[in-house]
Amino acid sequence: MRLLRTLACLALLASLLASCGSTTLLSNVGPATLELRPTGNGENVQISYTIGKPARVSVYLQDAAGTRYTLRDSEPRLASADAYTLFFDGTAPTGDPVLKRKALPSGSYTYTVQAQADDGEHAEAHGTLTIGGVDAKPPLIEDLVVFPETISPNADGIDDIAEITYQLPVSATVDITFTAPDGKSVYPFVAADKEGPTPQRQVWNGKTVDNALLPDGVYTYTIRAQDLFGNLVERQGKIAIAGGGQPEIKLSFTNIAPDAIMKGDVITVTMRVKNTGDVPIRTYGPPSGYEYSTDDVFSSVAGGKYVAKPGGFWRVGVDWDANSGGAAKRYPYRWAITPRPPEQWKIPNQEDVLLPGEEAEVIGRIRVQQPETKMSFYVGLIQDGVGFFQDRTGRTIVKVGF
């Protein structure tokens, strides 16, 4: 009796072991029939399958004309009693360098799930999938122009920025990134910007979103546009940074004299300015030694020749308290920051540059015509159209007699 029980147990154990060793590579594929009607609201259908032994799985669709759209390509899967699920949103990757992902057109498709086991066993199963609804035109990035293709972001007003212009035929969500010359570091520029079917313009200044200037080199820009139906378009190109840097300039000395004059006399302002940065500083007149009257303004002298210019021009200027409180312009008396006479300027008699490490002594003269008994003069650095730096430096009170 005991022997019979032992034999029965051994038989049962053998049966269980045989059952455990008999596995189905691919099973429970389905559902057999699927229908998807995309409206741009995130609809999807699910294709499920079970893997009985380690394998590589491929899933693809095939239309009536035999065109294949691969959704999964030989991806490793472990054996599991739980089903794997593929969420299909109506799109498929493409081999196109521009249209990266495509919303498939309406129609009937056969879907296929294939499994290739490590031991060579192969299995596959099929189903039917129907896509209905409105076929969406992809958000092609048209008329793309990046100008200039090389920028020098150093605040000199020359090629400091690049304009990126393009046209979208449909509304889309746009992302723009810049990849460093090493091909690894990626800097976001535009993130999830919803743009309509109109001409678009973006301006890049060579900086990160945290306002850090990127080093010189050739960068790759990538523009991606994705619509609500999952169409994904990508365009790439090159843009270079050369001569980038942050202008730095310092007033190292000021002197205003004499401190007691008669109305109609001239005060002389001596200023020393040094370029302490690593990029040239652009400047223009009037030149050192030019004499103003307190009735003058830099923009009105010499027939308007020295009116403020936009961009990266720097000058050194003089102002006084009462004027700053009520006049339309601050620092009405301005001079070029250069150690050279106008005929030796980079563009003679028009503009010059103060090179990195270079220092200039600037002499300014002002004939005082104001009916004031006491005037508080001071010096500052001006970047046209940007602001005032080292403002109200070297304050000196000048007594004026009548």
Protein backbone atom coordinates (compact mmCIF):
# COMPACT_ATOMS: atom_id res chain seq x y z
CA MET A 1 0.00 0.00 0.00
CA ARG A 2 2.80 2.40 0.93
CA LEU A 3 4.56 1.52 -2.33
CA LEU A 4 1.45 2.30 -4.35
CA ARG A 5 1.13 5.69 -2.65
CA THR A 6 4.78 6.47 -3.35
CA LEU A 7 4.38 5.53 -7.01
CA ALA A 8 1.25 7.68 -7.29
CA CYS A 9 3.06 10.68 -5.79
CA LEU A 10 5.98 10.22 -8.16
CA ALA A 11 3.59 10.05 -11.11
CA LEU A 12 1.82 13.21 -9.96
CA LEU A 13 5.14 15.01 -9.52
CA ALA A 14 6.28 13.96 -12.97
CA SER A 15 3.01 15.21 -14.42
CA LEU A 16 3.41 18.59 -12.69
CA LEU A 17 7.01 18.93 -13.86
CA ALA A 18 5.98 18.11 -17.42
CA SER A 19 3.20 20.68 -17.18
CA CYS A 20 5.61 23.35 -15.92
CA GLY A 21 8.05 22.67 -18.72
CA SER A 22 5.36 22.97 -21.43
CA THR A 23 5.09 26.74 -22.14
CA THR A 24 3.36 28.68 -24.92
CA LEU A 25 5.61 31.30 -26.45
CA LEU A 26 2.82 33.70 -27.51
CA SER A 27 -0.77 33.61 -26.35
CA ASN A 28 -3.83 35.68 -25.46
CA VAL A 29 -3.25 38.12 -28.33
CA GLY A 30 -6.17 40.43 -28.78
CA PRO A 31 -8.69 41.69 -29.09
CA ALA A 32 -9.18 40.30 -32.58
CA THR A 33 -10.97 43.41 -33.80
CA LEU A 34 -10.19 47.02 -32.85
CA GLU A 35 -11.56 50.40 -33.90
CA LEU A 36 -9.92 53.78 -33.28
CA ARG A 37 -11.43 57.16 -34.08
CA PRO A 38 -8.88 59.86 -33.18
CA THR A 39 -10.22 63.35 -32.46
CA GLY A 40 -7.10 64.87 -30.92
CA ASN A 41 -8.22 64.14 -27.36
CA GLY A 42 -5.78 61.34 -26.60
CA GLU A 43 -7.84 58.36 -27.76
CA ASN A 44 -6.10 54.98 -28.00
CA VAL A 45 -6.76 51.26 -28.29
CA GLN A 46 -4.92 48.44 -26.51
CA ILE A 47 -3.26 45.39 -28.02
CA SER A 48 -2.46 42.76 -25.38
CA TYR A 49 -0.38 39.57 -25.47
CA THR A 50 1.23 37.07 -23.09
CA ILE A 51 4.80 35.79 -23.36
CA GLY A 52 5.60 32.32 -22.01
CA LYS A 53 9.36 32.35 -22.38
CA PRO A 54 12.05 35.03 -22.90
CA ALA A 55 11.68 36.41 -26.40
CA ARG A 56 11.97 39.43 -28.63
CA VAL A 57 8.66 40.92 -29.70
CA SER A 58 7.72 42.91 -32.79
CA VAL A 59 4.37 44.55 -33.47
CA TYR A 60 3.41 46.11 -36.78
CA LEU A 61 0.44 47.22 -38.83
CA GLN A 62 -0.09 46.58 -42.52
CA ASP A 63 -2.55 48.44 -44.72
CA ALA A 64 -4.45 47.11 -47.75
CA ALA A 65 -1.62 48.13 -50.07
CA GLY A 66 0.93 46.17 -48.05
CA THR A 67 2.63 49.16 -46.44
CA ARG A 68 4.05 48.20 -43.06
CA TYR A 69 4.12 50.48 -39.99
CA THR A 70 6.32 49.15 -37.20
CA LEU A 71 5.19 49.87 -33.63
CA ARG A 72 7.68 47.64 -31.78
CA ASP A 73 10.83 46.20 -33.32
CA SER A 74 12.43 43.14 -31.73
CA GLU A 75 12.09 44.40 -28.17
CA PRO A 76 13.06 41.99 -25.33
CA ARG A 77 10.30 40.59 -23.16
CA LEU A 78 10.50 38.28 -20.15
CA ALA A 79 8.10 35.40 -19.57
CA SER A 80 5.17 36.58 -17.48
CA ALA A 81 1.73 35.36 -16.52
CA ASP A 82 0.59 38.98 -16.75
CA ALA A 83 -0.23 40.27 -20.21
CA TYR A 84 1.83 42.95 -21.93
CA THR A 85 -0.20 45.85 -23.35
CA LEU A 86 0.59 48.19 -26.23
CA PHE A 87 -1.34 51.46 -26.24
CA PHE A 88 -1.82 52.53 -29.85
CA ASP A 89 -2.80 56.18 -30.44
CA GLY A 90 -3.08 56.05 -34.21
CA THR A 91 0.52 57.07 -34.94
CA ALA A 92 3.66 55.25 -36.01
CA PRO A 93 7.34 56.21 -36.31
CA THR A 94 8.69 56.75 -39.81
CA GLY A 95 12.07 56.68 -41.47
CA ASP A 96 11.56 60.20 -42.75
CA PRO A 97 14.17 62.70 -41.45
CA VAL A 98 11.51 65.42 -41.09
CA LEU A 99 8.19 63.68 -40.40
CA LYS A 100 9.36 61.66 -37.40
CA ARG A 101 5.97 60.29 -36.38
CA LYS A 102 2.90 60.02 -38.55
CA ALA A 103 -0.81 59.82 -37.81
CA LEU A 104 -1.93 56.91 -39.96
CA PRO A 105 -4.64 57.60 -42.54
CA SER A 106 -8.15 56.28 -42.14
CA GLY A 107 -8.62 52.71 -43.29
CA SER A 108 -8.44 49.05 -42.37
CA TYR A 109 -5.20 47.50 -41.11
CA THR A 110 -3.98 44.08 -40.06
CA TYR A 111 -1.96 44.10 -36.89
CA THR A 112 0.63 41.41 -36.22
CA VAL A 113 2.35 40.43 -32.99
CA GLN A 114 5.50 38.34 -33.50
CA ALA A 115 7.63 36.62 -30.85
CA GLN A 116 11.08 35.12 -31.42
CA ALA A 117 12.31 33.05 -28.48
CA ASP A 118 15.95 32.79 -27.53
CA ASP A 119 15.84 29.08 -28.41
CA GLY A 120 14.71 29.87 -31.98
CA GLU A 121 11.00 29.21 -31.57
CA HIS A 122 8.80 31.64 -33.52
CA ALA A 123 5.14 32.53 -33.09
CA GLU A 124 2.82 35.21 -34.36
CA ALA A 125 -0.82 36.22 -34.19
CA HIS A 126 -2.98 38.68 -36.10
CA GLY A 127 -5.95 40.94 -35.66
CA THR A 128 -7.87 43.64 -37.48
CA LEU A 129 -7.71 47.35 -36.67
CA THR A 130 -9.80 50.08 -38.24
CA ILE A 131 -8.86 53.76 -38.06
CA GLY A 132 -11.62 56.26 -38.76
CA GLY A 133 -12.11 60.01 -38.52
CA VAL A 134 -10.56 63.06 -40.13
CA ASP A 135 -7.08 62.67 -41.62
CA ALA A 136 -4.83 65.38 -40.18
CA LYS A 137 -2.26 67.37 -42.17
CA PRO A 138 1.12 67.22 -40.37
CA PRO A 139 2.52 70.48 -38.87
CA LEU A 140 5.32 70.90 -41.40
CA ILE A 141 7.89 73.52 -40.42
CA GLU A 142 7.95 75.53 -43.63
CA ASP A 143 10.02 78.50 -44.83
CA LEU A 144 12.57 77.95 -42.06
CA VAL A 145 15.26 80.64 -41.98
CA VAL A 146 17.87 81.24 -39.30
CA PHE A 147 19.69 84.56 -39.70
CA PRO A 148 22.49 85.18 -39.16
CA GLU A 149 23.94 81.68 -38.98
CA THR A 150 26.83 82.97 -36.84
CA ILE A 151 26.19 85.28 -33.90
CA SER A 152 28.56 87.16 -31.61
CA PRO A 153 26.55 87.82 -28.43
CA ASN A 154 28.77 90.44 -26.83
CA ALA A 155 26.33 93.38 -26.58
CA ASP A 156 28.03 95.37 -29.34
CA GLY A 157 24.83 95.59 -31.39
CA ILE A 158 26.34 93.58 -34.28
CA ASP A 159 24.94 90.07 -34.83
CA ASP A 160 24.16 89.72 -31.12
CA ILE A 161 21.04 87.68 -31.87
CA ALA A 162 19.71 85.20 -34.39
CA GLU A 163 16.16 85.32 -35.69
CA ILE A 164 14.47 81.96 -36.27
CA THR A 165 11.48 82.33 -38.57
CA TYR A 166 9.16 79.66 -39.96
CA GLN A 167 5.57 78.96 -40.96
CA LEU A 168 3.20 76.32 -39.59
CA PRO A 169 0.30 75.14 -41.77
CA VAL A 170 -1.70 73.96 -38.74
CA SER A 171 -1.70 74.60 -35.00
CA ALA A 172 0.94 72.66 -33.09
CA THR A 173 2.99 72.50 -29.92
CA VAL A 174 6.56 73.60 -30.61
CA ASP A 175 9.82 72.83 -28.80
CA ILE A 176 13.23 74.25 -29.74
CA THR A 177 16.52 73.07 -28.27
CA PHE A 178 20.21 73.74 -28.89
CA THR A 179 22.75 70.92 -28.66
CA ALA A 180 26.33 71.78 -27.74
CA PRO A 181 29.28 70.96 -30.03
CA ASP A 182 30.01 67.86 -27.91
CA GLY A 183 26.65 66.43 -28.99
CA LYS A 184 25.70 65.70 -25.38
CA SER A 185 24.63 68.88 -23.62
CA VAL A 186 21.15 70.00 -24.69
CA TYR A 187 19.81 73.46 -23.83
CA PRO A 188 16.05 74.07 -24.03
CA PHE A 189 14.99 77.33 -25.63
CA VAL A 190 11.26 77.06 -26.39
CA ALA A 191 9.23 74.53 -24.43
CA ALA A 192 5.69 73.38 -25.25
CA ASP A 193 4.78 76.64 -26.98
CA LYS A 194 1.33 76.41 -28.57
CA GLU A 195 1.56 78.12 -31.96
CA GLY A 196 -1.08 78.71 -34.62
CA PRO A 197 -0.96 78.42 -38.41
CA THR A 198 0.77 81.77 -38.85
CA PRO A 199 4.33 83.01 -39.47
CA GLN A 200 6.44 82.47 -36.35
CA ARG A 201 9.53 84.31 -35.07
CA GLN A 202 11.87 83.38 -32.23
CA VAL A 203 14.98 85.34 -31.16
CA TRP A 204 18.00 83.59 -29.66
CA ASN A 205 20.82 85.50 -27.95
CA GLY A 206 23.24 82.64 -27.39
CA LYS A 207 22.16 82.18 -23.78
CA THR A 208 20.44 79.50 -21.75
CA VAL A 209 17.03 80.02 -20.21
CA ASP A 210 18.92 80.92 -17.03
CA ASN A 211 20.62 83.77 -18.94
CA ALA A 212 24.05 82.10 -18.95
CA LEU A 213 26.06 82.82 -22.10
CA LEU A 214 27.09 79.67 -23.93
CA PRO A 215 30.73 79.26 -25.02
CA ASP A 216 31.84 79.75 -28.62
CA GLY A 217 31.24 76.81 -30.94
CA VAL A 218 28.89 75.33 -33.51
CA TYR A 219 25.51 74.32 -32.07
CA THR A 220 22.72 72.20 -33.54
CA TYR A 221 19.24 73.64 -33.26
CA THR A 222 16.27 71.27 -33.28
CA ILE A 223 12.71 72.45 -33.88
CA ARG A 224 9.91 69.99 -33.16
CA ALA A 225 6.24 70.57 -33.90
CA GLN A 226 3.55 68.11 -32.78
CA ASP A 227 -0.17 68.40 -33.42
CA LEU A 228 -3.06 66.98 -31.39
CA PHE A 229 -3.19 63.86 -33.57
CA GLY A 230 0.41 62.89 -32.82
CA ASN A 231 2.05 63.98 -36.06
CA LEU A 232 5.61 64.95 -35.13
CA VAL A 233 7.79 67.06 -37.43
CA GLU A 234 11.45 67.87 -36.77
CA ARG A 235 13.88 70.22 -38.49
CA GLN A 236 17.55 70.69 -37.61
CA GLY A 237 20.39 72.98 -38.60
CA LYS A 238 23.62 74.58 -37.43
CA ILE A 239 24.23 77.93 -35.77
CA ALA A 240 27.59 79.18 -34.51
CA ILE A 241 28.61 81.40 -31.61
CA ALA A 242 31.86 83.29 -32.24
CA GLY A 243 33.28 86.15 -30.21
CA GLY A 244 30.67 85.90 -27.49
CA GLY A 245 31.25 87.55 -24.15
CA GLN A 246 29.94 89.98 -21.56
CA PRO A 247 31.09 93.61 -21.80
CA GLU A 248 32.63 94.94 -18.62
CA ILE A 249 33.79 98.50 -18.22
CA LYS A 250 34.93 100.52 -15.22
CA LEU A 251 35.39 104.17 -14.31
CA SER A 252 38.72 104.19 -12.51
CA PHE A 253 39.14 107.95 -12.01
CA THR A 254 37.07 111.15 -12.17
CA ASN A 255 37.85 114.77 -11.45
CA ILE A 256 35.67 117.84 -11.92
CA ALA A 257 37.40 121.22 -11.60
CA PRO A 258 37.40 123.98 -10.63
CA ASP A 259 34.82 123.81 -7.88
CA ALA A 260 34.15 127.58 -7.95
CA ILE A 261 33.48 129.54 -11.17
CA MET A 262 31.62 132.51 -12.57
CA LYS A 263 28.61 132.00 -14.81
CA GLY A 264 29.86 131.50 -18.37
CA ASP A 265 33.09 129.82 -17.27
CA VAL A 266 34.11 126.28 -18.21
CA ILE A 267 34.53 123.28 -15.93
CA THR A 268 36.79 120.44 -17.03
CA VAL A 269 35.90 116.83 -16.31
CA THR A 270 38.70 114.27 -16.45
CA MET A 271 37.64 110.64 -16.62
CA ARG A 272 39.62 107.43 -16.97
CA VAL A 273 37.76 104.36 -18.23
CA LYS A 274 39.04 100.80 -18.64
CA ASN A 275 37.66 97.83 -20.53
CA THR A 276 37.86 95.11 -17.87
CA GLY A 277 35.98 92.50 -19.90
CA ASP A 278 36.94 90.13 -22.70
CA VAL A 279 35.09 91.74 -25.63
CA PRO A 280 35.59 95.08 -27.42
CA ILE A 281 33.43 98.05 -26.40
CA ARG A 282 31.95 100.11 -29.23
CA THR A 283 31.84 103.87 -28.78
CA TYR A 284 31.24 107.11 -30.70
CA GLY A 285 31.39 110.87 -30.25
CA PRO A 286 31.61 113.61 -29.51
CA PRO A 287 35.34 112.99 -29.06
CA SER A 288 37.37 113.71 -25.95
CA GLY A 289 37.87 117.47 -25.53
CA TYR A 290 34.48 118.44 -26.97
CA GLU A 291 32.93 121.44 -25.18
CA TYR A 292 29.25 121.62 -24.30
CA SER A 293 27.15 124.42 -22.93
CA THR A 294 24.73 123.63 -20.14
CA ASP A 295 22.05 124.62 -22.67
CA ASP A 296 23.15 121.72 -24.95
CA VAL A 297 22.10 118.08 -25.19
CA PHE A 298 24.29 115.46 -26.88
CA SER A 299 21.54 114.61 -29.38
CA SER A 300 21.14 118.19 -30.57
CA VAL A 301 24.77 119.23 -31.09
CA ALA A 302 26.59 118.95 -34.43
CA GLY A 303 23.33 118.72 -36.34
CA GLY A 304 22.15 115.63 -34.48
CA LYS A 305 25.29 113.65 -35.38
CA TYR A 306 25.58 112.17 -31.89
CA VAL A 307 21.98 111.14 -31.27
CA ALA A 308 21.73 107.91 -29.26
CA LYS A 309 22.27 104.81 -31.38
CA PRO A 310 20.57 101.50 -30.60
CA GLY A 311 22.62 98.50 -29.63
CA GLY A 312 25.96 98.20 -27.98
CA PHE A 313 27.43 101.70 -27.99
CA TRP A 314 28.98 103.02 -24.79
CA ARG A 315 29.86 106.57 -23.75
CA VAL A 316 30.89 108.36 -20.62
CA GLY A 317 28.68 111.24 -19.50
CA VAL A 318 28.14 114.07 -17.03
CA ASP A 319 24.90 115.21 -15.41
CA TRP A 320 23.81 117.31 -12.46
CA ASP A 321 21.11 116.83 -9.86
CA ALA A 322 18.55 119.44 -10.89
CA ASN A 323 18.74 118.36 -14.53
CA SER A 324 18.17 114.67 -13.77
CA GLY A 325 15.04 115.52 -11.82
CA GLY A 326 13.24 117.31 -14.62
CA ALA A 327 14.98 116.96 -17.97
CA ALA A 328 13.78 114.57 -20.66
CA LYS A 329 17.23 112.95 -20.94
CA ARG A 330 19.77 111.98 -18.35
CA TYR A 331 23.47 112.60 -18.88
CA PRO A 332 23.03 115.31 -21.54
CA TYR A 333 26.84 115.66 -21.93
CA ARG A 334 28.45 112.53 -23.39
CA TRP A 335 31.84 111.68 -24.93
CA ALA A 336 33.45 108.76 -26.74
CA ILE A 337 35.48 106.28 -24.67
CA THR A 338 38.69 105.92 -26.67
CA PRO A 339 42.32 106.98 -26.34
CA ARG A 340 42.54 107.79 -30.06
CA PRO A 341 41.70 110.98 -31.96
CA PRO A 342 38.67 110.75 -34.30
CA GLU A 343 40.75 110.39 -37.46
CA GLN A 344 42.28 107.19 -36.02
CA TRP A 345 39.03 105.57 -34.99
CA LYS A 346 38.05 102.16 -36.39
CA ILE A 347 35.64 104.02 -38.64
CA PRO A 348 37.30 107.46 -38.79
CA ASN A 349 35.22 110.25 -37.24
CA GLN A 350 32.28 107.87 -36.72
CA GLU A 351 33.00 105.12 -34.19
CA ASP A 352 35.81 103.30 -32.41
CA VAL A 353 36.33 100.34 -30.05
CA LEU A 354 37.94 100.16 -26.63
CA LEU A 355 39.73 96.81 -26.66
CA PRO A 356 39.85 94.38 -23.73
CA GLY A 357 42.35 95.66 -21.18
CA GLU A 358 42.60 99.07 -22.88
CA GLU A 359 42.20 102.29 -20.88
CA ALA A 360 41.17 105.72 -22.13
CA GLU A 361 41.45 109.13 -20.52
CA VAL A 362 38.55 111.30 -21.62
CA ILE A 363 38.43 115.07 -21.17
CA GLY A 364 35.04 116.76 -21.18
CA ARG A 365 34.35 120.49 -21.00
CA ILE A 366 31.11 122.19 -20.01
CA ARG A 367 30.44 125.93 -20.19
CA VAL A 368 28.09 126.73 -17.33
CA GLN A 369 25.24 129.05 -18.31
CA GLN A 370 22.76 127.96 -15.65
CA PRO A 371 21.43 130.67 -13.31
CA GLU A 372 22.22 128.56 -10.25
CA THR A 373 24.56 129.36 -7.40
CA LYS A 374 25.47 125.77 -6.68
CA MET A 375 25.47 122.74 -9.03
CA SER A 376 26.12 119.11 -8.05
CA PHE A 377 27.81 117.41 -11.03
CA TYR A 378 28.56 113.69 -11.33
CA VAL A 379 29.79 111.14 -13.88
CA GLY A 380 28.35 107.88 -15.25
CA LEU A 381 28.76 105.23 -17.92
CA ILE A 382 26.01 104.94 -20.51
CA GLN A 383 25.10 102.09 -22.83
CA ASP A 384 22.71 103.54 -25.35
CA GLY A 385 19.27 102.03 -25.15
CA VAL A 386 20.26 99.77 -22.24
CA GLY A 387 20.97 101.80 -19.12
CA PHE A 388 23.34 103.69 -16.85
CA PHE A 389 26.29 102.03 -15.13
CA GLN A 390 28.42 103.35 -12.25
CA ASP A 391 25.72 105.97 -12.00
CA ARG A 392 26.34 109.22 -10.08
CA THR A 393 30.10 108.67 -9.64
CA GLY A 394 32.61 111.34 -8.57
CA ARG A 395 30.03 113.82 -7.34
CA THR A 396 31.43 117.36 -7.10
CA ILE A 397 29.62 120.54 -5.96
CA VAL A 398 30.54 123.53 -8.10
CA LYS A 399 29.75 127.03 -6.80
CA VAL A 400 28.69 129.50 -9.49
CA GLY A 401 29.03 133.28 -9.09
CA PHE A 402 27.32 136.03 -11.05
